[in-house]
PDB file of N, CA and C in Angstrom:
ATOM      1  N   UNK A   1      70.019  71.132  82.245  1.00  0.00           N
ATOM      2  CA  UNK A   1      70.224  69.789  82.731  1.00  0.00           C
ATOM      3  C   UNK A   1      71.507  69.769  83.547  1.00  0.00           C
ATOM      4  N   UNK A   2      71.449  69.191  84.695  1.00  0.00           N
ATOM      5  CA  UNK A   2      72.611  69.107  85.570  1.00  0.00           C
ATOM      6  C   UNK A   2      73.535  67.998  85.096  1.00  0.00           C
ATOM      7  N   UNK A   3      74.803  68.144  85.361  1.00  0.00           N
ATOM      8  CA  UNK A   3      75.784  67.131  85.000  1.00  0.00           C
ATOM      9  C   UNK A   3      77.172  67.599  85.364  1.00  0.00           C
ATOM     10  N   UNK A   4      78.146  66.787  85.059  1.00  0.00           N
ATOM     11  CA  UNK A   4      79.527  67.152  85.329  1.00  0.00           C
ATOM     12  C   UNK A   4      80.364  66.952  84.080  1.00  0.00           C
ATOM     13  N   UNK A   5      81.467  67.655  84.037  1.00  0.00           N
ATOM     14  CA  UNK A   5      82.388  67.549  82.921  1.00  0.00           C
ATOM     15  C   UNK A   5      83.744  68.071  83.362  1.00  0.00           C
ATOM     16  N   UNK A   6      84.796  67.497  82.807  1.00  0.00           N
ATOM     17  CA  UNK A   6      86.144  67.999  83.083  1.00  0.00           C
ATOM     18  C   UNK A   6      86.380  69.215  82.194  1.00  0.00           C
ATOM     19  N   UNK A   7      86.856  70.292  82.797  1.00  0.00           N
ATOM     20  CA  UNK A   7      87.077  71.534  82.064  1.00  0.00           C
ATOM     21  C   UNK A   7      88.442  72.089  82.434  1.00  0.00           C
ATOM     22  N   UNK A   8      89.180  72.538  81.426  1.00  0.00           N
ATOM     23  CA  UNK A   8      90.441  73.225  81.665  1.00  0.00           C
ATOM     24  C   UNK A   8      90.270  74.672  81.208  1.00  0.00           C
ATOM     25  N   UNK A   9      90.600  75.593  82.093  1.00  0.00           N
ATOM     26  CA  UNK A   9      90.467  77.016  81.790  1.00  0.00           C
ATOM     27  C   UNK A   9      91.832  77.660  81.886  1.00  0.00           C
ATOM     28  N   UNK A  10      92.184  78.448  80.871  1.00  0.00           N
ATOM     29  CA  UNK A  10      93.418  79.219  80.959  1.00  0.00           C
ATOM     30  C   UNK A  10      93.081  80.678  80.707  1.00  0.00           C
ATOM     31  N   UNK A  11      93.726  81.555  81.444  1.00  0.00           N
ATOM     32  CA  UNK A  11      93.473  82.986  81.339  1.00  0.00           C
ATOM     33  C   UNK A  11      94.761  83.653  80.883  1.00  0.00           C
ATOM     34  N   UNK A  12      94.667  84.390  79.766  1.00  0.00           N
ATOM     35  CA  UNK A  12      95.857  85.059  79.264  1.00  0.00           C
ATOM     36  C   UNK A  12      95.948  86.500  79.748  1.00  0.00           C
ATOM     37  N   UNK A  13      94.832  87.080  80.177  1.00  0.00           N
ATOM     38  CA  UNK A  13      94.836  88.432  80.697  1.00  0.00           C
ATOM     39  C   UNK A  13      93.576  88.687  81.491  1.00  0.00           C
ATOM     40  N   UNK A  14      93.676  89.535  82.482  1.00  0.00           N
ATOM     41  CA  UNK A  14      92.537  89.806  83.345  1.00  0.00           C
ATOM     42  C   UNK A  14      92.706  91.215  83.885  1.00  0.00           C
ATOM     43  N   UNK A  15      91.693  92.083  83.665  1.00  0.00           N
ATOM     44  CA  UNK A  15      91.810  93.434  84.198  1.00  0.00           C
ATOM     45  C   UNK A  15      90.558  93.805  84.985  1.00  0.00           C
ATOM     46  N   UNK A  16      90.653  94.905  85.714  1.00  0.00           N
ATOM     47  CA  UNK A  16      89.528  95.352  86.526  1.00  0.00           C
ATOM     48  C   UNK A  16      88.746  96.438  85.798  1.00  0.00           C
ATOM     49  N   UNK A  17      87.783  97.054  86.494  1.00  0.00           N
ATOM     50  CA  UNK A  17      86.910  98.050  85.876  1.00  0.00           C
ATOM     51  C   UNK A  17      87.654  99.260  85.331  1.00  0.00           C
ATOM     52  N   UNK A  18      88.812  99.581  85.893  1.00  0.00           N
ATOM     53  CA  UNK A  18      89.556 100.755  85.451  1.00  0.00           C
ATOM     54  C   UNK A  18      90.624 100.417  84.413  1.00  0.00           C
ATOM     55  N   UNK A  19      90.718  99.136  84.032  1.00  0.00           N
ATOM     56  CA  UNK A  19      91.704  98.731  83.039  1.00  0.00           C
ATOM     57  C   UNK A  19      93.017  98.288  83.627  1.00  0.00           C
ATOM     58  N   UNK A  20      93.155  98.389  84.949  1.00  0.00           N
ATOM     59  CA  UNK A  20      94.378  97.946  85.602  1.00  0.00           C
ATOM     60  C   UNK A  20      94.427  96.433  85.713  1.00  0.00           C
ATOM     61  N   UNK A  21      95.608  95.909  85.816  1.00  0.00           N
ATOM     62  CA  UNK A  21      95.784  94.464  85.929  1.00  0.00           C
ATOM     63  C   UNK A  21      95.393  94.004  87.326  1.00  0.00           C
ATOM     64  N   UNK A  22      94.586  92.954  87.387  1.00  0.00           N
ATOM     65  CA  UNK A  22      94.157  92.384  88.667  1.00  0.00           C
ATOM     66  C   UNK A  22      94.932  91.110  88.933  1.00  0.00           C
ATOM     67  N   UNK A  23      95.071  90.773  90.205  1.00  0.00           N
ATOM     68  CA  UNK A  23      95.734  89.521  90.540  1.00  0.00           C
ATOM     69  C   UNK A  23      94.778  88.367  90.266  1.00  0.00           C
ATOM     70  N   UNK A  24      95.319  87.239  89.966  1.00  0.00           N
ATOM     71  CA  UNK A  24      94.521  86.070  89.628  1.00  0.00           C
ATOM     72  C   UNK A  24      94.958  84.911  90.498  1.00  0.00           C
ATOM     73  N   UNK A  25      93.995  84.289  91.167  1.00  0.00           N
ATOM     74  CA  UNK A  25      94.270  83.131  92.012  1.00  0.00           C
ATOM     75  C   UNK A  25      93.628  81.924  91.354  1.00  0.00           C
ATOM     76  N   UNK A  26      94.403  80.870  91.153  1.00  0.00           N
ATOM     77  CA  UNK A  26      93.898  79.668  90.509  1.00  0.00           C
ATOM     78  C   UNK A  26      93.555  78.641  91.584  1.00  0.00           C
ATOM     79  N   UNK A  27      92.344  78.108  91.519  1.00  0.00           N
ATOM     80  CA  UNK A  27      91.875  77.114  92.475  1.00  0.00           C
ATOM     81  C   UNK A  27      91.033  76.082  91.746  1.00  0.00           C
ATOM     82  N   UNK A  28      90.943  74.903  92.337  1.00  0.00           N
ATOM     83  CA  UNK A  28      89.969  73.940  91.852  1.00  0.00           C
ATOM     84  C   UNK A  28      88.610  74.435  92.302  1.00  0.00           C
ATOM     85  N   UNK A  29      87.600  74.255  91.473  1.00  0.00           N
ATOM     86  CA  UNK A  29      86.284  74.727  91.884  1.00  0.00           C
ATOM     87  C   UNK A  29      85.228  74.435  90.859  1.00  0.00           C
ATOM     88  N   UNK A  30      84.129  75.083  90.997  1.00  0.00           N
ATOM     89  CA  UNK A  30      82.977  74.891  90.134  1.00  0.00           C
ATOM     90  C   UNK A  30      82.874  76.048  89.151  1.00  0.00           C
ATOM     91  N   UNK A  31      82.584  75.714  87.924  1.00  0.00           N
ATOM     92  CA  UNK A  31      82.329  76.720  86.901  1.00  0.00           C
ATOM     93  C   UNK A  31      80.832  76.725  86.655  1.00  0.00           C
ATOM     94  N   UNK A  32      80.219  77.871  86.758  1.00  0.00           N
ATOM     95  CA  UNK A  32      78.781  77.984  86.554  1.00  0.00           C
ATOM     96  C   UNK A  32      78.522  78.853  85.339  1.00  0.00           C
ATOM     97  N   UNK A  33      77.734  78.340  84.438  1.00  0.00           N
ATOM     98  CA  UNK A  33      77.374  79.087  83.236  1.00  0.00           C
ATOM     99  C   UNK A  33      75.856  79.196  83.225  1.00  0.00           C
ATOM    100  N   UNK A  34      75.344  80.395  83.073  1.00  0.00           N
ATOM    101  CA  UNK A  34      73.896  80.592  83.063  1.00  0.00           C
ATOM    102  C   UNK A  34      73.443  81.067  81.689  1.00  0.00           C
ATOM    103  N   UNK A  35      72.153  80.971  81.439  1.00  0.00           N
ATOM    104  CA  UNK A  35      71.613  81.459  80.168  1.00  0.00           C
ATOM    105  C   UNK A  35      71.799  82.963  80.015  1.00  0.00           C
ATOM    106  N   UNK A  36      71.627  83.443  78.800  1.00  0.00           N
ATOM    107  CA  UNK A  36      71.693  84.877  78.527  1.00  0.00           C
ATOM    108  C   UNK A  36      70.586  85.605  79.289  1.00  0.00           C
ATOM    109  N   UNK A  37      70.805  86.878  79.652  1.00  0.00           N
ATOM    110  CA  UNK A  37      69.764  87.644  80.330  1.00  0.00           C
ATOM    111  C   UNK A  37      68.491  87.734  79.500  1.00  0.00           C
ATOM    112  N   UNK A  38      67.353  87.622  80.167  1.00  0.00           N
ATOM    113  CA  UNK A  38      66.055  87.749  79.516  1.00  0.00           C
ATOM    114  C   UNK A  38      65.571  89.191  79.641  1.00  0.00           C
ATOM    115  N   UNK A  39      65.764  89.764  80.827  1.00  0.00           N
ATOM    116  CA  UNK A  39      65.353  91.151  81.102  1.00  0.00           C
ATOM    117  C   UNK A  39      66.398  91.837  81.960  1.00  0.00           C
ATOM    118  N   UNK A  40      66.412  93.121  81.934  1.00  0.00           N
ATOM    119  CA  UNK A  40      67.205  93.996  82.816  1.00  0.00           C
ATOM    120  C   UNK A  40      68.700  93.692  82.862  1.00  0.00           C
ATOM    121  N   UNK A  41      69.229  92.943  81.901  1.00  0.00           N
ATOM    122  CA  UNK A  41      70.663  92.690  81.855  1.00  0.00           C
ATOM    123  C   UNK A  41      71.180  91.704  82.870  1.00  0.00           C
ATOM    124  N   UNK A  42      70.300  91.142  83.709  1.00  0.00           N
ATOM    125  CA  UNK A  42      70.719  90.164  84.709  1.00  0.00           C
ATOM    126  C   UNK A  42      70.413  88.761  84.209  1.00  0.00           C
ATOM    127  N   UNK A  43      71.365  87.851  84.274  1.00  0.00           N
ATOM    128  CA  UNK A  43      71.090  86.488  83.815  1.00  0.00           C
ATOM    129  C   UNK A  43      70.164  85.752  84.777  1.00  0.00           C
ATOM    130  N   UNK A  44      69.362  84.816  84.278  1.00  0.00           N
ATOM    131  CA  UNK A  44      68.522  84.000  85.154  1.00  0.00           C
ATOM    132  C   UNK A  44      69.378  83.233  86.159  1.00  0.00           C
ATOM    133  N   UNK A  45      68.794  82.889  87.306  1.00  0.00           N
ATOM    134  CA  UNK A  45      69.515  82.119  88.314  1.00  0.00           C
ATOM    135  C   UNK A  45      68.733  80.867  88.694  1.00  0.00           C
ATOM    136  N   UNK A  46      69.425  79.966  89.345  1.00  0.00           N
ATOM    137  CA  UNK A  46      68.860  78.702  89.821  1.00  0.00           C
ATOM    138  C   UNK A  46      68.946  78.695  91.341  1.00  0.00           C
ATOM    139  N   UNK A  47      68.014  79.384  92.035  1.00  0.00           N
ATOM    140  CA  UNK A  47      68.119  79.549  93.488  1.00  0.00           C
ATOM    141  C   UNK A  47      68.180  78.250  94.288  1.00  0.00           C
ATOM    142  N   UNK A  48      67.527  77.200  93.825  1.00  0.00           N
ATOM    143  CA  UNK A  48      67.522  75.959  94.605  1.00  0.00           C
ATOM    144  C   UNK A  48      68.534  74.920  94.126  1.00  0.00           C
ATOM    145  N   UNK A  49      69.337  75.267  93.108  1.00  0.00           N
ATOM    146  CA  UNK A  49      70.422  74.393  92.661  1.00  0.00           C
ATOM    147  C   UNK A  49      69.998  73.104  91.986  1.00  0.00           C
ATOM    148  N   UNK A  50      68.792  73.066  91.412  1.00  0.00           N
ATOM    149  CA  UNK A  50      68.321  71.834  90.779  1.00  0.00           C
ATOM    150  C   UNK A  50      68.626  71.765  89.284  1.00  0.00           C
ATOM    151  N   UNK A  51      69.367  72.759  88.755  1.00  0.00           N
ATOM    152  CA  UNK A  51      69.719  72.763  87.344  1.00  0.00           C
ATOM    153  C   UNK A  51      68.693  73.446  86.461  1.00  0.00           C
ATOM    154  N   UNK A  52      67.613  73.973  87.040  1.00  0.00           N
ATOM    155  CA  UNK A  52      66.581  74.692  86.295  1.00  0.00           C
ATOM    156  C   UNK A  52      66.614  76.155  86.718  1.00  0.00           C
ATOM    157  N   UNK A  53      66.576  77.044  85.748  1.00  0.00           N
ATOM    158  CA  UNK A  53      66.695  78.473  86.019  1.00  0.00           C
ATOM    159  C   UNK A  53      65.301  79.086  86.189  1.00  0.00           C
ATOM    160  N   UNK A  54      64.749  78.965  87.392  1.00  0.00           N
ATOM    161  CA  UNK A  54      63.403  79.444  87.682  1.00  0.00           C
ATOM    162  C   UNK A  54      63.343  80.959  87.870  1.00  0.00           C
ATOM    163  N   UNK A  55      64.427  81.560  88.298  1.00  0.00           N
ATOM    164  CA  UNK A  55      64.478  83.005  88.545  1.00  0.00           C
ATOM    165  C   UNK A  55      64.785  83.705  87.225  1.00  0.00           C
ATOM    166  N   UNK A  56      63.768  83.908  86.406  1.00  0.00           N
ATOM    167  CA  UNK A  56      63.930  84.420  85.041  1.00  0.00           C
ATOM    168  C   UNK A  56      64.518  85.820  85.015  1.00  0.00           C
ATOM    169  N   UNK A  57      64.104  86.689  85.929  1.00  0.00           N
ATOM    170  CA  UNK A  57      64.585  88.078  85.887  1.00  0.00           C
ATOM    171  C   UNK A  57      65.881  88.299  86.662  1.00  0.00           C
ATOM    172  N   UNK A  58      66.436  87.257  87.260  1.00  0.00           N
ATOM    173  CA  UNK A  58      67.745  87.350  87.899  1.00  0.00           C
ATOM    174  C   UNK A  58      67.806  88.171  89.170  1.00  0.00           C
ATOM    175  N   UNK A  59      66.674  88.320  89.864  1.00  0.00           N
ATOM    176  CA  UNK A  59      66.684  89.121  91.094  1.00  0.00           C
ATOM    177  C   UNK A  59      66.992  88.295  92.340  1.00  0.00           C
ATOM    178  N   UNK A  60      67.307  87.007  92.172  1.00  0.00           N
ATOM    179  CA  UNK A  60      67.709  86.177  93.292  1.00  0.00           C
ATOM    180  C   UNK A  60      66.591  85.423  93.978  1.00  0.00           C
ATOM    181  N   UNK A  61      65.359  85.582  93.493  1.00  0.00           N
ATOM    182  CA  UNK A  61      64.237  84.849  94.086  1.00  0.00           C
ATOM    183  C   UNK A  61      63.228  84.483  92.984  1.00  0.00           C
ATOM    184  N   UNK A  62      62.445  83.474  93.264  1.00  0.00           N
ATOM    185  CA  UNK A  62      61.391  83.062  92.336  1.00  0.00           C
ATOM    186  C   UNK A  62      60.116  83.751  92.790  1.00  0.00           C
ATOM    187  N   UNK A  63      59.555  84.590  91.902  1.00  0.00           N
ATOM    188  CA  UNK A  63      58.361  85.342  92.273  1.00  0.00           C
ATOM    189  C   UNK A  63      57.468  85.556  91.056  1.00  0.00           C
ATOM    190  N   UNK A  64      56.372  86.255  91.255  1.00  0.00           N
ATOM    191  CA  UNK A  64      55.392  86.484  90.205  1.00  0.00           C
ATOM    192  C   UNK A  64      56.005  87.181  88.987  1.00  0.00           C
ATOM    193  N   UNK A  65      56.950  88.085  89.207  1.00  0.00           N
ATOM    194  CA  UNK A  65      57.577  88.795  88.093  1.00  0.00           C
ATOM    195  C   UNK A  65      58.292  87.840  87.142  1.00  0.00           C
ATOM    196  N   UNK A  66      58.780  86.722  87.637  1.00  0.00           N
ATOM    197  CA  UNK A  66      59.413  85.740  86.760  1.00  0.00           C
ATOM    198  C   UNK A  66      58.408  85.169  85.761  1.00  0.00           C
ATOM    199  N   UNK A  67      57.204  84.911  86.229  1.00  0.00           N
ATOM    200  CA  UNK A  67      56.144  84.404  85.353  1.00  0.00           C
ATOM    201  C   UNK A  67      55.803  85.442  84.296  1.00  0.00           C
ATOM    202  N   UNK A  68      55.654  86.690  84.717  1.00  0.00           N
ATOM    203  CA  UNK A  68      55.322  87.781  83.795  1.00  0.00           C
ATOM    204  C   UNK A  68      56.406  87.934  82.732  1.00  0.00           C
ATOM    205  N   UNK A  69      57.671  87.953  83.151  1.00  0.00           N
ATOM    206  CA  UNK A  69      58.779  88.141  82.212  1.00  0.00           C
ATOM    207  C   UNK A  69      58.908  86.956  81.257  1.00  0.00           C
ATOM    208  N   UNK A  70      58.713  85.744  81.763  1.00  0.00           N
ATOM    209  CA  UNK A  70      58.785  84.570  80.897  1.00  0.00           C
ATOM    210  C   UNK A  70      57.678  84.621  79.849  1.00  0.00           C
ATOM    211  N   UNK A  71      56.473  84.966  80.251  1.00  0.00           N
ATOM    212  CA  UNK A  71      55.365  85.061  79.329  1.00  0.00           C
ATOM    213  C   UNK A  71      55.611  86.132  78.270  1.00  0.00           C
ATOM    214  N   UNK A  72      56.229  87.227  78.655  1.00  0.00           N
ATOM    215  CA  UNK A  72      56.501  88.321  77.722  1.00  0.00           C
ATOM    216  C   UNK A  72      57.508  87.938  76.643  1.00  0.00           C
ATOM    217  N   UNK A  73      58.327  86.929  76.895  1.00  0.00           N
ATOM    218  CA  UNK A  73      59.336  86.518  75.902  1.00  0.00           C
ATOM    219  C   UNK A  73      58.786  85.532  74.879  1.00  0.00           C
ATOM    220  N   UNK A  74      57.589  85.022  75.127  1.00  0.00           N
ATOM    221  CA  UNK A  74      57.004  84.022  74.221  1.00  0.00           C
ATOM    222  C   UNK A  74      56.369  84.682  73.034  1.00  0.00           C
TER     223      UNK A  74
END
């Protein structure tokens, strides 16, 4: 379900893939949280921005494989 909420985020530490410290830039913006991955470790996406996660397999498009993967989880 789409909506808005005030959120405050604080980061106490941030590192990169090698464990080194990365720089952090703070900006006003949008926080997006998606459901847990259903398949292949990729989280579902909402390609058209309507608040519904139609791209079940997280490949960036809505296609037949999304239907197959959704059915397999039932």
